[in-house]
Amino acid sequence: MSSEKAQFKAVADRSRCCGYGLCAAICPSLYKLDADGLVYMDDARVPPELEEEAREGAAACPAEAIWLEPLTPEDQGV
């Protein structure tokens, strides 16, 4: 993992997730699927080296259920 700090977090609206799994296929390091096939993240912070892959995974979601947002100071534990 890079020494750079994460600048973004992934946000998933699980109520909109249809379980296509495209996000997890594109960025399996960040996006996971639960037993029902719905997206979740172990840690929503996006490491800088995964940012492009995370954006591609979010953009591939047909339900537009995932997006990236800037981290707030609270997200960073500041």
PDB file of N, CA and C in Angstrom:
ATOM      1  N   MET A   1       0.836  -1.174   0.000  1.00  0.00           N
ATOM      2  CA  MET A   1       0.000   0.000   0.000  1.00  0.00           C
ATOM      3  C   MET A   1       0.884   1.242   0.000  1.00  0.00           C
ATOM      4  N   SER A   2       0.414   2.261  -0.621  1.00  0.00           N
ATOM      5  CA  SER A   2       1.146   3.514  -0.745  1.00  0.00           C
ATOM      6  C   SER A   2       1.219   4.237   0.591  1.00  0.00           C
ATOM      7  N   SER A   3       2.226   5.100   0.736  1.00  0.00           N
ATOM      8  CA  SER A   3       2.324   5.904   1.951  1.00  0.00           C
ATOM      9  C   SER A   3       1.409   7.123   1.872  1.00  0.00           C
ATOM     10  N   GLU A   4       0.858   7.386   0.690  1.00  0.00           N
ATOM     11  CA  GLU A   4      -0.086   8.494   0.549  1.00  0.00           C
ATOM     12  C   GLU A   4      -1.373   8.151   1.290  1.00  0.00           C
ATOM     13  N   LYS A   5      -2.019   9.190   1.802  1.00  0.00           N
ATOM     14  CA  LYS A   5      -3.280   8.989   2.507  1.00  0.00           C
ATOM     15  C   LYS A   5      -4.438   8.967   1.523  1.00  0.00           C
ATOM     16  N   ALA A   6      -5.446   8.190   1.874  1.00  0.00           N
ATOM     17  CA  ALA A   6      -6.664   8.133   1.067  1.00  0.00           C
ATOM     18  C   ALA A   6      -7.310   9.517   1.033  1.00  0.00           C
ATOM     19  N   GLN A   7      -7.834   9.884  -0.113  1.00  0.00           N
ATOM     20  CA  GLN A   7      -8.510  11.165  -0.277  1.00  0.00           C
ATOM     21  C   GLN A   7     -10.014  10.984  -0.475  1.00  0.00           C
ATOM     22  N   PHE A   8     -10.425   9.742  -0.796  1.00  0.00           N
ATOM     23  CA  PHE A   8     -11.823   9.475  -1.112  1.00  0.00           C
ATOM     24  C   PHE A   8     -12.336   8.268  -0.350  1.00  0.00           C
ATOM     25  N   LYS A   9     -13.645   8.213  -0.227  1.00  0.00           N
ATOM     26  CA  LYS A   9     -14.303   7.032   0.315  1.00  0.00           C
ATOM     27  C   LYS A   9     -15.352   6.588  -0.691  1.00  0.00           C
ATOM     28  N   ALA A  10     -15.580   5.297  -0.732  1.00  0.00           N
ATOM     29  CA  ALA A  10     -16.626   4.748  -1.582  1.00  0.00           C
ATOM     30  C   ALA A  10     -17.912   4.703  -0.766  1.00  0.00           C
ATOM     31  N   VAL A  11     -18.998   5.095  -1.396  1.00  0.00           N
ATOM     32  CA  VAL A  11     -20.310   5.085  -0.752  1.00  0.00           C
ATOM     33  C   VAL A  11     -21.209   4.170  -1.571  1.00  0.00           C
ATOM     34  N   ALA A  12     -21.917   3.278  -0.903  1.00  0.00           N
ATOM     35  CA  ALA A  12     -22.827   2.363  -1.589  1.00  0.00           C
ATOM     36  C   ALA A  12     -24.223   2.496  -1.007  1.00  0.00           C
ATOM     37  N   ASP A  13     -25.185   2.681  -1.879  1.00  0.00           N
ATOM     38  CA  ASP A  13     -26.597   2.680  -1.485  1.00  0.00           C
ATOM     39  C   ASP A  13     -27.103   1.258  -1.740  1.00  0.00           C
ATOM     40  N   ARG A  14     -27.022   0.428  -0.715  1.00  0.00           N
ATOM     41  CA  ARG A  14     -27.372  -0.982  -0.871  1.00  0.00           C
ATOM     42  C   ARG A  14     -28.829  -1.190  -1.257  1.00  0.00           C
ATOM     43  N   SER A  15     -29.684  -0.220  -0.985  1.00  0.00           N
ATOM     44  CA  SER A  15     -31.087  -0.358  -1.377  1.00  0.00           C
ATOM     45  C   SER A  15     -31.253  -0.262  -2.894  1.00  0.00           C
ATOM     46  N   ARG A  16     -30.264   0.318  -3.567  1.00  0.00           N
ATOM     47  CA  ARG A  16     -30.304   0.428  -5.023  1.00  0.00           C
ATOM     48  C   ARG A  16     -29.520  -0.678  -5.717  1.00  0.00           C
ATOM     49  N   CYS A  17     -28.686  -1.397  -4.971  1.00  0.00           N
ATOM     50  CA  CYS A  17     -27.845  -2.449  -5.542  1.00  0.00           C
ATOM     51  C   CYS A  17     -28.715  -3.587  -6.071  1.00  0.00           C
ATOM     52  N   CYS A  18     -28.446  -3.995  -7.307  1.00  0.00           N
ATOM     53  CA  CYS A  18     -29.181  -5.090  -7.941  1.00  0.00           C
ATOM     54  C   CYS A  18     -28.379  -6.376  -8.006  1.00  0.00           C
ATOM     55  N   GLY A  19     -27.142  -6.340  -7.498  1.00  0.00           N
ATOM     56  CA  GLY A  19     -26.329  -7.538  -7.423  1.00  0.00           C
ATOM     57  C   GLY A  19     -25.688  -7.983  -8.725  1.00  0.00           C
ATOM     58  N   TYR A  20     -25.481  -7.068  -9.664  1.00  0.00           N
ATOM     59  CA  TYR A  20     -24.824  -7.442 -10.917  1.00  0.00           C
ATOM     60  C   TYR A  20     -23.375  -7.865 -10.681  1.00  0.00           C
ATOM     61  N   GLY A  21     -22.717  -7.275  -9.709  1.00  0.00           N
ATOM     62  CA  GLY A  21     -21.352  -7.657  -9.362  1.00  0.00           C
ATOM     63  C   GLY A  21     -20.270  -7.066 -10.243  1.00  0.00           C
ATOM     64  N   LEU A  22     -20.623  -6.140 -11.116  1.00  0.00           N
ATOM     65  CA  LEU A  22     -19.615  -5.530 -11.986  1.00  0.00           C
ATOM     66  C   LEU A  22     -18.576  -4.772 -11.172  1.00  0.00           C
ATOM     67  N   CYS A  23     -19.003  -4.100 -10.123  1.00  0.00           N
ATOM     68  CA  CYS A  23     -18.079  -3.351  -9.275  1.00  0.00           C
ATOM     69  C   CYS A  23     -17.019  -4.274  -8.694  1.00  0.00           C
ATOM     70  N   ALA A  24     -17.458  -5.415  -8.157  1.00  0.00           N
ATOM     71  CA  ALA A  24     -16.535  -6.370  -7.544  1.00  0.00           C
ATOM     72  C   ALA A  24     -15.643  -7.044  -8.581  1.00  0.00           C
ATOM     73  N   ALA A  25     -16.137  -7.202  -9.789  1.00  0.00           N
ATOM     74  CA  ALA A  25     -15.322  -7.794 -10.845  1.00  0.00           C
ATOM     75  C   ALA A  25     -14.203  -6.842 -11.265  1.00  0.00           C
ATOM     76  N   ILE A  26     -14.492  -5.537 -11.250  1.00  0.00           N
ATOM     77  CA  ILE A  26     -13.513  -4.535 -11.671  1.00  0.00           C
ATOM     78  C   ILE A  26     -12.557  -4.163 -10.543  1.00  0.00           C
ATOM     79  N   CYS A  27     -13.074  -4.044  -9.319  1.00  0.00           N
ATOM     80  CA  CYS A  27     -12.247  -3.618  -8.188  1.00  0.00           C
ATOM     81  C   CYS A  27     -12.500  -4.525  -6.973  1.00  0.00           C
ATOM     82  N   PRO A  28     -12.065  -5.781  -7.049  1.00  0.00           N
ATOM     83  CA  PRO A  28     -12.333  -6.717  -5.952  1.00  0.00           C
ATOM     84  C   PRO A  28     -11.614  -6.391  -4.647  1.00  0.00           C
ATOM     85  N   SER A  29     -10.586  -5.565  -4.714  1.00  0.00           N
ATOM     86  CA  SER A  29      -9.872  -5.180  -3.495  1.00  0.00           C
ATOM     87  C   SER A  29     -10.726  -4.275  -2.611  1.00  0.00           C
ATOM     88  N   LEU A  30     -11.686  -3.590  -3.205  1.00  0.00           N
ATOM     89  CA  LEU A  30     -12.523  -2.653  -2.451  1.00  0.00           C
ATOM     90  C   LEU A  30     -13.958  -3.136  -2.333  1.00  0.00           C
ATOM     91  N   TYR A  31     -14.550  -3.502  -3.465  1.00  0.00           N
ATOM     92  CA  TYR A  31     -15.963  -3.882  -3.493  1.00  0.00           C
ATOM     93  C   TYR A  31     -16.117  -5.383  -3.293  1.00  0.00           C
ATOM     94  N   LYS A  32     -16.950  -5.748  -2.336  1.00  0.00           N
ATOM     95  CA  LYS A  32     -17.230  -7.147  -2.019  1.00  0.00           C
ATOM     96  C   LYS A  32     -18.730  -7.376  -2.201  1.00  0.00           C
ATOM     97  N   LEU A  33     -19.114  -8.640  -2.343  1.00  0.00           N
ATOM     98  CA  LEU A  33     -20.524  -9.001  -2.429  1.00  0.00           C
ATOM     99  C   LEU A  33     -20.870  -9.903  -1.258  1.00  0.00           C
ATOM    100  N   ASP A  34     -21.997  -9.614  -0.608  1.00  0.00           N
ATOM    101  CA  ASP A  34     -22.422 -10.446   0.519  1.00  0.00           C
ATOM    102  C   ASP A  34     -23.147 -11.688   0.004  1.00  0.00           C
ATOM    103  N   ALA A  35     -23.686 -12.486   0.900  1.00  0.00           N
ATOM    104  CA  ALA A  35     -24.353 -13.740   0.534  1.00  0.00           C
ATOM    105  C   ALA A  35     -25.550 -13.511  -0.384  1.00  0.00           C
ATOM    106  N   ASP A  36     -26.140 -12.326  -0.330  1.00  0.00           N
ATOM    107  CA  ASP A  36     -27.273 -11.989  -1.193  1.00  0.00           C
ATOM    108  C   ASP A  36     -26.830 -11.338  -2.499  1.00  0.00           C
ATOM    109  N   GLY A  37     -25.520 -11.176  -2.681  1.00  0.00           N
ATOM    110  CA  GLY A  37     -24.997 -10.571  -3.895  1.00  0.00           C
ATOM    111  C   GLY A  37     -24.985  -9.056  -3.883  1.00  0.00           C
ATOM    112  N   LEU A  38     -25.177  -8.455  -2.703  1.00  0.00           N
ATOM    113  CA  LEU A  38     -25.195  -6.995  -2.592  1.00  0.00           C
ATOM    114  C   LEU A  38     -23.821  -6.473  -2.184  1.00  0.00           C
ATOM    115  N   VAL A  39     -23.486  -5.307  -2.695  1.00  0.00           N
ATOM    116  CA  VAL A  39     -22.164  -4.734  -2.475  1.00  0.00           C
ATOM    117  C   VAL A  39     -21.972  -4.275  -1.025  1.00  0.00           C
ATOM    118  N   TYR A  40     -20.751  -4.418  -0.540  1.00  0.00           N
ATOM    119  CA  TYR A  40     -20.331  -3.840   0.733  1.00  0.00           C
ATOM    120  C   TYR A  40     -18.825  -3.614   0.646  1.00  0.00           C
ATOM    121  N   MET A  41     -18.278  -2.849   1.568  1.00  0.00           N
ATOM    122  CA  MET A  41     -16.843  -2.619   1.648  1.00  0.00           C
ATOM    123  C   MET A  41     -16.392  -2.900   3.070  1.00  0.00           C
ATOM    124  N   ASP A  42     -15.257  -3.581   3.214  1.00  0.00           N
ATOM    125  CA  ASP A  42     -14.680  -3.778   4.542  1.00  0.00           C
ATOM    126  C   ASP A  42     -14.221  -2.435   5.101  1.00  0.00           C
ATOM    127  N   ASP A  43     -13.646  -1.615   4.240  1.00  0.00           N
ATOM    128  CA  ASP A  43     -13.176  -0.279   4.595  1.00  0.00           C
ATOM    129  C   ASP A  43     -13.485   0.601   3.395  1.00  0.00           C
ATOM    130  N   ALA A  44     -14.301   1.615   3.573  1.00  0.00           N
ATOM    131  CA  ALA A  44     -14.749   2.452   2.460  1.00  0.00           C
ATOM    132  C   ALA A  44     -13.676   3.417   1.964  1.00  0.00           C
ATOM    133  N   ARG A  45     -12.608   3.622   2.761  1.00  0.00           N
ATOM    134  CA  ARG A  45     -11.540   4.516   2.305  1.00  0.00           C
ATOM    135  C   ARG A  45     -10.846   3.910   1.090  1.00  0.00           C
ATOM    136  N   VAL A  46     -10.645   4.728   0.084  1.00  0.00           N
ATOM    137  CA  VAL A  46     -10.051   4.258  -1.168  1.00  0.00           C
ATOM    138  C   VAL A  46      -8.562   4.604  -1.172  1.00  0.00           C
ATOM    139  N   PRO A  47      -7.697   3.594  -1.112  1.00  0.00           N
ATOM    140  CA  PRO A  47      -6.262   3.874  -1.186  1.00  0.00           C
ATOM    141  C   PRO A  47      -5.938   4.563  -2.520  1.00  0.00           C
ATOM    142  N   PRO A  48      -5.019   5.500  -2.514  1.00  0.00           N
ATOM    143  CA  PRO A  48      -4.704   6.235  -3.746  1.00  0.00           C
ATOM    144  C   PRO A  48      -4.401   5.327  -4.941  1.00  0.00           C
ATOM    145  N   GLU A  49      -3.733   4.211  -4.701  1.00  0.00           N
ATOM    146  CA  GLU A  49      -3.378   3.320  -5.800  1.00  0.00           C
ATOM    147  C   GLU A  49      -4.580   2.563  -6.375  1.00  0.00           C
ATOM    148  N   LEU A  50      -5.718   2.593  -5.666  1.00  0.00           N
ATOM    149  CA  LEU A  50      -6.936   1.942  -6.158  1.00  0.00           C
ATOM    150  C   LEU A  50      -7.983   2.933  -6.651  1.00  0.00           C
ATOM    151  N   GLU A  51      -7.667   4.230  -6.608  1.00  0.00           N
ATOM    152  CA  GLU A  51      -8.671   5.236  -6.938  1.00  0.00           C
ATOM    153  C   GLU A  51      -9.242   5.058  -8.345  1.00  0.00           C
ATOM    154  N   GLU A  52      -8.402   4.886  -9.342  1.00  0.00           N
ATOM    155  CA  GLU A  52      -8.905   4.744 -10.715  1.00  0.00           C
ATOM    156  C   GLU A  52      -9.768   3.489 -10.850  1.00  0.00           C
ATOM    157  N   GLU A  53      -9.303   2.382 -10.286  1.00  0.00           N
ATOM    158  CA  GLU A  53     -10.046   1.120 -10.327  1.00  0.00           C
ATOM    159  C   GLU A  53     -11.378   1.251  -9.586  1.00  0.00           C
ATOM    160  N   ALA A  54     -11.376   1.945  -8.448  1.00  0.00           N
ATOM    161  CA  ALA A  54     -12.598   2.150  -7.675  1.00  0.00           C
ATOM    162  C   ALA A  54     -13.595   2.999  -8.451  1.00  0.00           C
ATOM    163  N   ARG A  55     -13.110   4.030  -9.135  1.00  0.00           N
ATOM    164  CA  ARG A  55     -13.995   4.866  -9.968  1.00  0.00           C
ATOM    165  C   ARG A  55     -14.591   4.066 -11.121  1.00  0.00           C
ATOM    166  N   GLU A  56     -13.770   3.228 -11.754  1.00  0.00           N
ATOM    167  CA  GLU A  56     -14.258   2.396 -12.854  1.00  0.00           C
ATOM    168  C   GLU A  56     -15.320   1.417 -12.359  1.00  0.00           C
ATOM    169  N   GLY A  57     -15.085   0.819 -11.189  1.00  0.00           N
ATOM    170  CA  GLY A  57     -16.064  -0.109 -10.615  1.00  0.00           C
ATOM    171  C   GLY A  57     -17.376   0.584 -10.290  1.00  0.00           C
ATOM    172  N   ALA A  58     -17.291   1.778  -9.736  1.00  0.00           N
ATOM    173  CA  ALA A  58     -18.493   2.540  -9.414  1.00  0.00           C
ATOM    174  C   ALA A  58     -19.230   2.941 -10.689  1.00  0.00           C
ATOM    175  N   ALA A  59     -18.489   3.377 -11.696  1.00  0.00           N
ATOM    176  CA  ALA A  59     -19.102   3.812 -12.951  1.00  0.00           C
ATOM    177  C   ALA A  59     -19.769   2.649 -13.688  1.00  0.00           C
ATOM    178  N   ALA A  60     -19.293   1.437 -13.464  1.00  0.00           N
ATOM    179  CA  ALA A  60     -19.855   0.269 -14.138  1.00  0.00           C
ATOM    180  C   ALA A  60     -21.184  -0.182 -13.541  1.00  0.00           C
ATOM    181  N   CYS A  61     -21.541   0.327 -12.387  1.00  0.00           N
ATOM    182  CA  CYS A  61     -22.772  -0.099 -11.709  1.00  0.00           C
ATOM    183  C   CYS A  61     -24.002   0.365 -12.499  1.00  0.00           C
ATOM    184  N   PRO A  62     -24.793  -0.566 -13.038  1.00  0.00           N
ATOM    185  CA  PRO A  62     -25.973  -0.184 -13.804  1.00  0.00           C
ATOM    186  C   PRO A  62     -27.019   0.554 -12.965  1.00  0.00           C
ATOM    187  N   ALA A  63     -27.035   0.297 -11.654  1.00  0.00           N
ATOM    188  CA  ALA A  63     -28.018   0.923 -10.768  1.00  0.00           C
ATOM    189  C   ALA A  63     -27.522   2.242 -10.183  1.00  0.00           C
ATOM    190  N   GLU A  64     -26.280   2.634 -10.531  1.00  0.00           N
ATOM    191  CA  GLU A  64     -25.668   3.847  -9.977  1.00  0.00           C
ATOM    192  C   GLU A  64     -25.756   3.867  -8.455  1.00  0.00           C
ATOM    193  N   ALA A  65     -25.459   2.714  -7.863  1.00  0.00           N
ATOM    194  CA  ALA A  65     -25.572   2.545  -6.421  1.00  0.00           C
ATOM    195  C   ALA A  65     -24.273   2.844  -5.679  1.00  0.00           C
ATOM    196  N   ILE A  66     -23.192   3.129  -6.412  1.00  0.00           N
ATOM    197  CA  ILE A  66     -21.886   3.371  -5.798  1.00  0.00           C
ATOM    198  C   ILE A  66     -21.298   4.653  -6.366  1.00  0.00           C
ATOM    199  N   TRP A  67     -20.662   5.433  -5.483  1.00  0.00           N
ATOM    200  CA  TRP A  67     -19.957   6.627  -5.931  1.00  0.00           C
ATOM    201  C   TRP A  67     -18.843   6.918  -4.938  1.00  0.00           C
ATOM    202  N   LEU A  68     -17.931   7.778  -5.342  1.00  0.00           N
ATOM    203  CA  LEU A  68     -16.834   8.196  -4.472  1.00  0.00           C
ATOM    204  C   LEU A  68     -17.086   9.613  -3.995  1.00  0.00           C
ATOM    205  N   GLU A  69     -16.746   9.865  -2.742  1.00  0.00           N
ATOM    206  CA  GLU A  69     -16.854  11.193  -2.127  1.00  0.00           C
ATOM    207  C   GLU A  69     -15.529  11.530  -1.463  1.00  0.00           C
ATOM    208  N   PRO A  70     -15.196  12.831  -1.382  1.00  0.00           N
ATOM    209  CA  PRO A  70     -13.994  13.212  -0.641  1.00  0.00           C
ATOM    210  C   PRO A  70     -14.127  12.823   0.832  1.00  0.00           C
ATOM    211  N   LEU A  71     -13.024  12.399   1.412  1.00  0.00           N
ATOM    212  CA  LEU A  71     -13.023  12.103   2.846  1.00  0.00           C
ATOM    213  C   LEU A  71     -13.149  13.401   3.630  1.00  0.00           C
ATOM    214  N   THR A  72     -13.890  13.351   4.699  1.00  0.00           N
ATOM    215  CA  THR A  72     -13.983  14.492   5.611  1.00  0.00           C
ATOM    216  C   THR A  72     -12.955  14.288   6.726  1.00  0.00           C
ATOM    217  N   PRO A  73     -12.652  15.329   7.485  1.00  0.00           N
ATOM    218  CA  PRO A  73     -11.739  15.144   8.625  1.00  0.00           C
ATOM    219  C   PRO A  73     -12.234  14.050   9.585  1.00  0.00           C
ATOM    220  N   GLU A  74     -13.543  13.917   9.751  1.00  0.00           N
ATOM    221  CA  GLU A  74     -14.098  12.875  10.628  1.00  0.00           C
ATOM    222  C   GLU A  74     -13.794  11.491  10.072  1.00  0.00           C
ATOM    223  N   ASP A  75     -13.879  11.335   8.737  1.00  0.00           N
ATOM    224  CA  ASP A  75     -13.572  10.049   8.099  1.00  0.00           C
ATOM    225  C   ASP A  75     -12.116   9.671   8.311  1.00  0.00           C
ATOM    226  N   GLN A  76     -11.246  10.673   8.395  1.00  0.00           N
ATOM    227  CA  GLN A  76      -9.825  10.439   8.524  1.00  0.00           C
ATOM    228  C   GLN A  76      -9.395  10.291   9.978  1.00  0.00           C
ATOM    229  N   GLY A  77     -10.345  10.428  10.894  1.00  0.00           N
ATOM    230  CA  GLY A  77     -10.033  10.304  12.302  1.00  0.00           C
ATOM    231  C   GLY A  77      -9.263  11.481  12.871  1.00  0.00           C
ATOM    232  N   VAL A  78      -9.448  12.638  12.236  1.00  0.00           N
ATOM    233  CA  VAL A  78      -8.746  13.848  12.686  1.00  0.00           C
ATOM    234  C   VAL A  78      -9.560  14.544  13.743  1.00  0.00           C
TER     235      VAL A  78
END
